[in-house]
Amino acid sequence: MELTGGLKIIRSTGDEHTVDNHNESVSSPNTAKKVLCIEDERFIGELYKRALSKSGYDVTLEVDGVKGLSLAQTDQYDIILLDLMLPNLTGIELLEILRDPNKTPHLKAKIIVTTNLEQREDIKKNIEKLADGYLVKAEFTPNELVEFINNID
């Protein structure tokens, strides 16, 4: 579904939501949330980190899937932004490990999958089931990402 002026967000329940970005100012969170951004494209990761840090978030950027998993399993983060195409461990594999209570017990972080790839329907449904959100990178700006993250409970 194409949305004008907002983000395409598909929660694990399958419901679609939009976050409209009508103004350029993005409010800061009440308390500094810790965000782990696992993104192999450094330029994109730095854009996200800059926008989120500017809005008061404490952001850690990791480009490698295995190292990202290791950081995520420390359970020090409130939000994990997870790209699907990662070196050494794919985002889908990482997501499955993080959602497996035997491999990652008591994970409190919300996991938001970010991708530019069109997924097969069965893979997309699995991602939607396991992730707390799903964002198509080409359809949102860093400021819209901040606005979306500001609204995560």
N, C-alpha and C. Protein backbone atom coordinates (compact mmCIF):
# COMPACT_ATOMS: atom_id res chain seq x y z
N MET A 1 0.84 -1.17 0.00
CA MET A 1 0.00 0.00 0.00
C MET A 1 0.89 1.24 0.00
N GLU A 2 0.62 2.18 -0.91
CA GLU A 2 1.38 3.42 -0.95
C GLU A 2 0.66 4.47 -0.14
N LEU A 3 1.42 5.20 0.64
CA LEU A 3 0.85 6.23 1.48
C LEU A 3 1.54 7.54 1.15
N THR A 4 0.79 8.60 1.01
CA THR A 4 1.36 9.91 0.75
C THR A 4 1.48 10.66 2.06
N GLY A 5 2.66 11.22 2.32
CA GLY A 5 2.85 12.04 3.51
C GLY A 5 3.01 11.24 4.79
N GLY A 6 3.35 9.98 4.72
CA GLY A 6 3.51 9.22 5.96
C GLY A 6 4.33 7.98 5.77
N LEU A 7 4.45 7.22 6.83
CA LEU A 7 5.23 5.99 6.82
C LEU A 7 4.32 4.80 6.63
N LYS A 8 4.84 3.78 6.01
CA LYS A 8 4.14 2.50 5.96
C LYS A 8 4.64 1.67 7.12
N ILE A 9 3.78 1.40 8.06
CA ILE A 9 4.15 0.67 9.25
C ILE A 9 3.20 -0.51 9.39
N ILE A 10 3.78 -1.69 9.43
CA ILE A 10 2.95 -2.88 9.60
C ILE A 10 3.37 -3.53 10.90
N ARG A 11 2.50 -3.52 11.87
CA ARG A 11 2.79 -4.13 13.16
C ARG A 11 2.62 -5.63 13.06
N SER A 12 3.13 -6.32 14.07
CA SER A 12 3.08 -7.78 14.06
C SER A 12 1.65 -8.31 14.05
N THR A 13 0.68 -7.47 14.40
CA THR A 13 -0.71 -7.91 14.36
C THR A 13 -1.26 -7.89 12.95
N GLY A 14 -0.50 -7.28 12.02
CA GLY A 14 -0.97 -7.19 10.65
C GLY A 14 -1.71 -5.90 10.37
N ASP A 15 -1.98 -5.10 11.39
CA ASP A 15 -2.66 -3.83 11.19
C ASP A 15 -1.71 -2.84 10.53
N GLU A 16 -2.22 -1.99 9.65
CA GLU A 16 -1.40 -0.97 9.04
C GLU A 16 -1.68 0.36 9.73
N HIS A 17 -0.62 1.14 9.93
CA HIS A 17 -0.73 2.44 10.56
C HIS A 17 0.10 3.43 9.76
N THR A 18 -0.20 4.71 9.88
CA THR A 18 0.65 5.72 9.26
C THR A 18 1.01 6.76 10.31
N VAL A 19 2.17 7.34 10.13
CA VAL A 19 2.59 8.45 10.96
C VAL A 19 2.80 9.61 10.01
N ASP A 20 1.93 10.60 10.05
CA ASP A 20 2.06 11.74 9.16
C ASP A 20 3.11 12.69 9.67
N ASN A 21 3.84 13.29 8.75
CA ASN A 21 4.89 14.24 9.08
C ASN A 21 4.50 15.59 8.51
N HIS A 22 3.61 16.30 9.18
CA HIS A 22 3.12 17.57 8.67
C HIS A 22 4.03 18.74 8.98
N ASN A 23 4.91 18.60 9.97
CA ASN A 23 5.83 19.70 10.25
C ASN A 23 7.25 19.17 10.30
N GLU A 24 8.20 20.06 10.18
CA GLU A 24 9.60 19.66 10.13
C GLU A 24 10.20 19.45 11.51
N SER A 25 9.60 20.02 12.57
CA SER A 25 10.18 19.85 13.90
C SER A 25 9.76 18.50 14.46
N VAL A 26 10.70 17.85 15.08
CA VAL A 26 10.45 16.54 15.68
C VAL A 26 10.73 16.66 17.16
N SER A 27 9.74 16.31 17.97
CA SER A 27 9.91 16.48 19.41
C SER A 27 10.82 15.40 19.98
N SER A 28 11.44 15.71 21.09
CA SER A 28 12.33 14.77 21.76
C SER A 28 11.55 13.86 22.69
N PRO A 29 12.06 12.67 22.96
CA PRO A 29 11.38 11.79 23.90
C PRO A 29 11.50 12.34 25.31
N ASN A 30 10.57 11.93 26.18
CA ASN A 30 10.60 12.40 27.57
C ASN A 30 11.86 11.93 28.29
N THR A 31 12.25 10.70 28.10
CA THR A 31 13.48 10.17 28.69
C THR A 31 14.31 9.59 27.56
N ALA A 32 15.62 9.67 27.71
CA ALA A 32 16.51 9.19 26.65
C ALA A 32 16.40 7.67 26.52
N LYS A 33 15.85 7.24 25.40
CA LYS A 33 15.76 5.82 25.12
C LYS A 33 17.03 5.39 24.40
N LYS A 34 17.43 4.14 24.64
CA LYS A 34 18.61 3.59 23.99
C LYS A 34 18.17 2.83 22.73
N VAL A 35 18.80 3.19 21.63
CA VAL A 35 18.47 2.59 20.34
C VAL A 35 19.70 1.88 19.79
N LEU A 36 19.52 0.64 19.37
CA LEU A 36 20.56 -0.10 18.67
C LEU A 36 20.15 -0.14 17.21
N CYS A 37 20.98 0.44 16.36
CA CYS A 37 20.73 0.45 14.92
C CYS A 37 21.68 -0.54 14.27
N ILE A 38 21.14 -1.63 13.73
CA ILE A 38 21.95 -2.64 13.05
C ILE A 38 21.70 -2.45 11.56
N GLU A 39 22.64 -1.78 10.91
CA GLU A 39 22.50 -1.35 9.52
C GLU A 39 23.86 -1.42 8.84
N ASP A 40 23.97 -2.21 7.78
CA ASP A 40 25.27 -2.37 7.13
C ASP A 40 25.65 -1.22 6.21
N GLU A 41 24.71 -0.43 5.77
CA GLU A 41 25.01 0.74 4.94
C GLU A 41 25.34 1.90 5.87
N ARG A 42 26.63 2.19 6.01
CA ARG A 42 27.08 3.20 6.97
C ARG A 42 26.41 4.55 6.77
N PHE A 43 26.23 4.97 5.53
CA PHE A 43 25.62 6.26 5.26
C PHE A 43 24.21 6.33 5.85
N ILE A 44 23.42 5.31 5.61
CA ILE A 44 22.05 5.27 6.14
C ILE A 44 22.09 5.20 7.67
N GLY A 45 22.94 4.34 8.21
CA GLY A 45 23.07 4.22 9.66
C GLY A 45 23.46 5.54 10.30
N GLU A 46 24.38 6.26 9.69
CA GLU A 46 24.80 7.56 10.24
C GLU A 46 23.67 8.59 10.15
N LEU A 47 22.88 8.55 9.07
CA LEU A 47 21.72 9.45 8.97
C LEU A 47 20.74 9.19 10.11
N TYR A 48 20.44 7.91 10.35
CA TYR A 48 19.54 7.56 11.44
C TYR A 48 20.12 7.98 12.78
N LYS A 49 21.40 7.69 12.99
CA LYS A 49 22.05 8.01 14.26
C LYS A 49 22.03 9.51 14.51
N ARG A 50 22.36 10.30 13.50
CA ARG A 50 22.38 11.76 13.65
C ARG A 50 20.99 12.29 14.01
N ALA A 51 19.96 11.84 13.27
CA ALA A 51 18.60 12.32 13.52
C ALA A 51 18.11 11.91 14.91
N LEU A 52 18.36 10.66 15.29
CA LEU A 52 17.90 10.17 16.59
C LEU A 52 18.67 10.82 17.74
N SER A 53 19.98 10.97 17.59
CA SER A 53 20.80 11.61 18.63
C SER A 53 20.39 13.06 18.83
N LYS A 54 20.13 13.74 17.74
CA LYS A 54 19.69 15.14 17.79
C LYS A 54 18.37 15.28 18.56
N SER A 55 17.58 14.22 18.53
CA SER A 55 16.28 14.23 19.22
C SER A 55 16.35 13.63 20.62
N GLY A 56 17.57 13.39 21.12
CA GLY A 56 17.71 12.97 22.50
C GLY A 56 17.88 11.48 22.74
N TYR A 57 17.98 10.69 21.69
CA TYR A 57 18.16 9.25 21.85
C TYR A 57 19.64 8.92 21.99
N ASP A 58 19.93 7.86 22.74
CA ASP A 58 21.28 7.33 22.89
C ASP A 58 21.39 6.20 21.87
N VAL A 59 22.17 6.40 20.80
CA VAL A 59 22.19 5.49 19.67
C VAL A 59 23.53 4.78 19.54
N THR A 60 23.46 3.46 19.37
CA THR A 60 24.62 2.64 19.06
C THR A 60 24.42 2.11 17.65
N LEU A 61 25.43 2.25 16.81
CA LEU A 61 25.36 1.78 15.43
C LEU A 61 26.28 0.58 15.24
N GLU A 62 25.74 -0.47 14.64
CA GLU A 62 26.54 -1.67 14.34
C GLU A 62 26.24 -2.10 12.91
N VAL A 63 27.30 -2.47 12.15
CA VAL A 63 27.14 -2.83 10.75
C VAL A 63 27.15 -4.34 10.50
N ASP A 64 27.52 -5.13 11.48
CA ASP A 64 27.67 -6.58 11.33
C ASP A 64 26.56 -7.31 12.07
N GLY A 65 25.98 -8.33 11.43
CA GLY A 65 24.89 -9.08 12.03
C GLY A 65 25.26 -9.81 13.31
N VAL A 66 26.40 -10.48 13.34
CA VAL A 66 26.82 -11.23 14.53
C VAL A 66 27.10 -10.28 15.69
N LYS A 67 27.82 -9.19 15.42
CA LYS A 67 28.09 -8.21 16.47
C LYS A 67 26.81 -7.52 16.93
N GLY A 68 25.89 -7.27 15.99
CA GLY A 68 24.61 -6.67 16.35
C GLY A 68 23.80 -7.58 17.26
N LEU A 69 23.81 -8.88 16.96
CA LEU A 69 23.12 -9.85 17.81
C LEU A 69 23.70 -9.83 19.21
N SER A 70 25.01 -9.83 19.30
CA SER A 70 25.68 -9.82 20.59
C SER A 70 25.27 -8.60 21.42
N LEU A 71 25.22 -7.44 20.77
CA LEU A 71 24.79 -6.22 21.47
C LEU A 71 23.32 -6.30 21.87
N ALA A 72 22.48 -6.77 20.96
CA ALA A 72 21.04 -6.86 21.24
C ALA A 72 20.76 -7.78 22.42
N GLN A 73 21.50 -8.87 22.53
CA GLN A 73 21.26 -9.84 23.60
C GLN A 73 21.70 -9.34 24.97
N THR A 74 22.38 -8.19 25.04
CA THR A 74 22.70 -7.61 26.34
C THR A 74 21.46 -7.02 27.00
N ASP A 75 20.40 -6.84 26.22
CA ASP A 75 19.12 -6.30 26.69
C ASP A 75 19.28 -4.91 27.32
N GLN A 76 20.17 -4.10 26.76
CA GLN A 76 20.39 -2.73 27.23
C GLN A 76 19.63 -1.70 26.40
N TYR A 77 18.88 -2.15 25.40
CA TYR A 77 18.27 -1.23 24.45
C TYR A 77 16.74 -1.25 24.57
N ASP A 78 16.15 -0.10 24.30
CA ASP A 78 14.69 0.01 24.28
C ASP A 78 14.14 -0.31 22.90
N ILE A 79 14.91 0.05 21.86
CA ILE A 79 14.47 -0.12 20.48
C ILE A 79 15.64 -0.66 19.67
N ILE A 80 15.34 -1.60 18.79
CA ILE A 80 16.34 -2.12 17.85
C ILE A 80 15.83 -1.87 16.44
N LEU A 81 16.60 -1.10 15.67
CA LEU A 81 16.32 -0.91 14.25
C LEU A 81 17.14 -1.97 13.52
N LEU A 82 16.48 -2.84 12.79
CA LEU A 82 17.14 -4.00 12.22
C LEU A 82 16.98 -4.06 10.71
N ASP A 83 18.09 -3.89 10.00
CA ASP A 83 18.12 -4.08 8.56
C ASP A 83 18.08 -5.58 8.27
N LEU A 84 17.57 -5.96 7.12
CA LEU A 84 17.51 -7.39 6.79
C LEU A 84 18.77 -7.90 6.10
N MET A 85 19.41 -7.05 5.32
CA MET A 85 20.61 -7.45 4.58
C MET A 85 21.84 -7.05 5.38
N LEU A 86 22.41 -8.02 6.10
CA LEU A 86 23.56 -7.78 6.95
C LEU A 86 24.65 -8.81 6.67
N PRO A 87 25.91 -8.44 6.86
CA PRO A 87 26.97 -9.43 6.71
C PRO A 87 27.03 -10.37 7.92
N ASN A 88 27.40 -11.61 7.68
CA ASN A 88 27.67 -12.64 8.68
C ASN A 88 26.44 -13.24 9.36
N LEU A 89 25.33 -12.56 9.35
CA LEU A 89 24.07 -13.08 9.91
C LEU A 89 22.97 -12.19 9.36
N THR A 90 22.00 -12.75 8.67
CA THR A 90 20.96 -11.91 8.08
C THR A 90 20.03 -11.34 9.16
N GLY A 91 19.35 -10.28 8.81
CA GLY A 91 18.39 -9.69 9.74
C GLY A 91 17.28 -10.64 10.12
N ILE A 92 16.87 -11.47 9.18
CA ILE A 92 15.81 -12.45 9.47
C ILE A 92 16.31 -13.48 10.48
N GLU A 93 17.53 -13.98 10.29
CA GLU A 93 18.11 -14.93 11.25
C GLU A 93 18.25 -14.27 12.62
N LEU A 94 18.73 -13.03 12.61
CA LEU A 94 18.91 -12.29 13.87
C LEU A 94 17.56 -12.11 14.58
N LEU A 95 16.54 -11.73 13.82
CA LEU A 95 15.20 -11.54 14.38
C LEU A 95 14.67 -12.84 15.00
N GLU A 96 14.86 -13.95 14.32
CA GLU A 96 14.39 -15.24 14.84
C GLU A 96 15.11 -15.60 16.14
N ILE A 97 16.41 -15.32 16.22
CA ILE A 97 17.16 -15.59 17.45
C ILE A 97 16.68 -14.70 18.59
N LEU A 98 16.46 -13.42 18.28
CA LEU A 98 16.03 -12.49 19.33
C LEU A 98 14.63 -12.83 19.86
N ARG A 99 13.79 -13.40 19.02
CA ARG A 99 12.43 -13.75 19.45
C ARG A 99 12.32 -15.16 20.03
N ASP A 100 13.40 -15.92 19.99
CA ASP A 100 13.40 -17.27 20.56
C ASP A 100 13.73 -17.15 22.04
N PRO A 101 12.77 -17.44 22.94
CA PRO A 101 13.01 -17.27 24.38
C PRO A 101 14.12 -18.17 24.92
N ASN A 102 14.45 -19.25 24.22
CA ASN A 102 15.54 -20.11 24.65
C ASN A 102 16.91 -19.51 24.32
N LYS A 103 16.97 -18.68 23.28
CA LYS A 103 18.23 -18.07 22.87
C LYS A 103 18.39 -16.64 23.38
N THR A 104 17.27 -15.94 23.57
CA THR A 104 17.30 -14.57 24.06
C THR A 104 16.14 -14.38 25.04
N PRO A 105 16.32 -14.85 26.28
CA PRO A 105 15.23 -14.69 27.26
C PRO A 105 15.09 -13.24 27.70
N HIS A 106 13.89 -12.82 27.95
CA HIS A 106 13.58 -11.53 28.56
C HIS A 106 14.01 -10.32 27.74
N LEU A 107 13.94 -10.38 26.42
CA LEU A 107 14.29 -9.21 25.60
C LEU A 107 13.18 -8.18 25.73
N LYS A 108 13.51 -6.98 26.20
CA LYS A 108 12.50 -5.94 26.38
C LYS A 108 12.37 -5.02 25.18
N ALA A 109 13.38 -4.99 24.30
CA ALA A 109 13.42 -4.05 23.19
C ALA A 109 12.32 -4.31 22.17
N LYS A 110 11.79 -3.22 21.61
CA LYS A 110 10.90 -3.30 20.46
C LYS A 110 11.81 -3.42 19.24
N ILE A 111 11.46 -4.30 18.32
CA ILE A 111 12.27 -4.52 17.13
C ILE A 111 11.53 -3.98 15.91
N ILE A 112 12.19 -3.03 15.23
CA ILE A 112 11.63 -2.43 14.03
C ILE A 112 12.51 -2.85 12.86
N VAL A 113 11.96 -3.60 11.92
CA VAL A 113 12.69 -4.04 10.75
C VAL A 113 12.66 -2.93 9.71
N THR A 114 13.84 -2.64 9.15
CA THR A 114 13.94 -1.66 8.07
C THR A 114 14.54 -2.36 6.85
N THR A 115 13.95 -2.14 5.69
CA THR A 115 14.45 -2.78 4.48
C THR A 115 14.05 -2.00 3.25
N ASN A 116 14.77 -2.19 2.18
CA ASN A 116 14.39 -1.67 0.87
C ASN A 116 13.96 -2.79 -0.05
N LEU A 117 14.08 -4.02 0.42
CA LEU A 117 13.79 -5.17 -0.41
C LEU A 117 12.33 -5.58 -0.32
N GLU A 118 11.77 -5.94 -1.45
CA GLU A 118 10.43 -6.51 -1.48
C GLU A 118 10.57 -7.98 -1.07
N GLN A 119 9.81 -8.41 -0.11
CA GLN A 119 9.91 -9.76 0.42
C GLN A 119 8.84 -10.67 -0.17
N ARG A 120 9.19 -11.96 -0.30
CA ARG A 120 8.17 -12.93 -0.66
C ARG A 120 7.10 -12.88 0.42
N GLU A 121 5.88 -13.20 0.05
CA GLU A 121 4.75 -13.08 0.98
C GLU A 121 4.95 -13.90 2.25
N ASP A 122 5.48 -15.13 2.15
CA ASP A 122 5.67 -15.96 3.33
C ASP A 122 6.74 -15.37 4.26
N ILE A 123 7.80 -14.82 3.68
CA ILE A 123 8.85 -14.19 4.49
C ILE A 123 8.32 -12.93 5.15
N LYS A 124 7.57 -12.14 4.40
CA LYS A 124 7.00 -10.90 4.93
C LYS A 124 6.06 -11.20 6.10
N LYS A 125 5.24 -12.22 5.98
CA LYS A 125 4.32 -12.58 7.07
C LYS A 125 5.10 -13.00 8.32
N ASN A 126 6.19 -13.74 8.14
CA ASN A 126 7.01 -14.15 9.28
C ASN A 126 7.65 -12.93 9.95
N ILE A 127 8.15 -12.00 9.16
CA ILE A 127 8.75 -10.78 9.70
C ILE A 127 7.69 -10.01 10.49
N GLU A 128 6.51 -9.84 9.91
CA GLU A 128 5.44 -9.11 10.57
C GLU A 128 5.04 -9.77 11.89
N LYS A 129 5.09 -11.10 11.93
CA LYS A 129 4.73 -11.84 13.14
C LYS A 129 5.78 -11.62 14.24
N LEU A 130 7.05 -11.57 13.87
CA LEU A 130 8.13 -11.48 14.84
C LEU A 130 8.51 -10.06 15.23
N ALA A 131 8.36 -9.12 14.33
CA ALA A 131 8.80 -7.74 14.59
C ALA A 131 7.67 -6.90 15.14
N ASP A 132 8.05 -5.81 15.81
CA ASP A 132 7.06 -4.86 16.33
C ASP A 132 6.68 -3.82 15.29
N GLY A 133 7.47 -3.71 14.24
CA GLY A 133 7.21 -2.76 13.17
C GLY A 133 8.03 -3.12 11.95
N TYR A 134 7.59 -2.63 10.80
CA TYR A 134 8.24 -2.93 9.53
C TYR A 134 8.21 -1.66 8.71
N LEU A 135 9.39 -1.15 8.36
CA LEU A 135 9.47 0.10 7.61
C LEU A 135 10.24 -0.11 6.31
N VAL A 136 9.72 0.42 5.23
CA VAL A 136 10.42 0.39 3.96
C VAL A 136 11.24 1.67 3.87
N LYS A 137 12.57 1.53 3.86
CA LYS A 137 13.49 2.67 3.95
C LYS A 137 13.20 3.76 2.92
N ALA A 138 12.88 3.37 1.70
CA ALA A 138 12.66 4.35 0.63
C ALA A 138 11.42 5.22 0.87
N GLU A 139 10.59 4.82 1.83
CA GLU A 139 9.33 5.53 2.05
C GLU A 139 9.33 6.44 3.27
N PHE A 140 10.48 6.65 3.93
CA PHE A 140 10.49 7.55 5.07
C PHE A 140 11.83 8.28 5.18
N THR A 141 11.77 9.46 5.79
CA THR A 141 12.96 10.27 6.01
C THR A 141 13.47 10.00 7.43
N PRO A 142 14.71 10.40 7.74
CA PRO A 142 15.19 10.26 9.12
C PRO A 142 14.28 10.98 10.14
N ASN A 143 13.75 12.15 9.79
CA ASN A 143 12.85 12.85 10.71
C ASN A 143 11.56 12.08 10.94
N GLU A 144 11.05 11.43 9.90
CA GLU A 144 9.85 10.60 10.06
C GLU A 144 10.16 9.38 10.92
N LEU A 145 11.37 8.85 10.80
CA LEU A 145 11.79 7.74 11.66
C LEU A 145 11.77 8.18 13.12
N VAL A 146 12.31 9.36 13.40
CA VAL A 146 12.31 9.88 14.77
C VAL A 146 10.88 10.02 15.27
N GLU A 147 10.01 10.57 14.46
CA GLU A 147 8.61 10.74 14.86
C GLU A 147 7.97 9.39 15.16
N PHE A 148 8.24 8.40 14.34
CA PHE A 148 7.70 7.06 14.55
C PHE A 148 8.22 6.49 15.88
N ILE A 149 9.52 6.59 16.10
CA ILE A 149 10.11 6.05 17.33
C ILE A 149 9.60 6.80 18.56
N ASN A 150 9.36 8.10 18.43
CA ASN A 150 8.78 8.86 19.55
C ASN A 150 7.43 8.30 19.98
N ASN A 151 6.74 7.65 19.05
CA ASN A 151 5.40 7.13 19.35
C ASN A 151 5.38 5.67 19.76
N ILE A 152 6.54 5.05 19.88
CA ILE A 152 6.59 3.66 20.33
C ILE A 152 6.42 3.62 21.84
N ASP A 153 5.54 2.75 22.31
CA ASP A 153 5.30 2.62 23.77
C ASP A 153 6.43 1.89 24.43
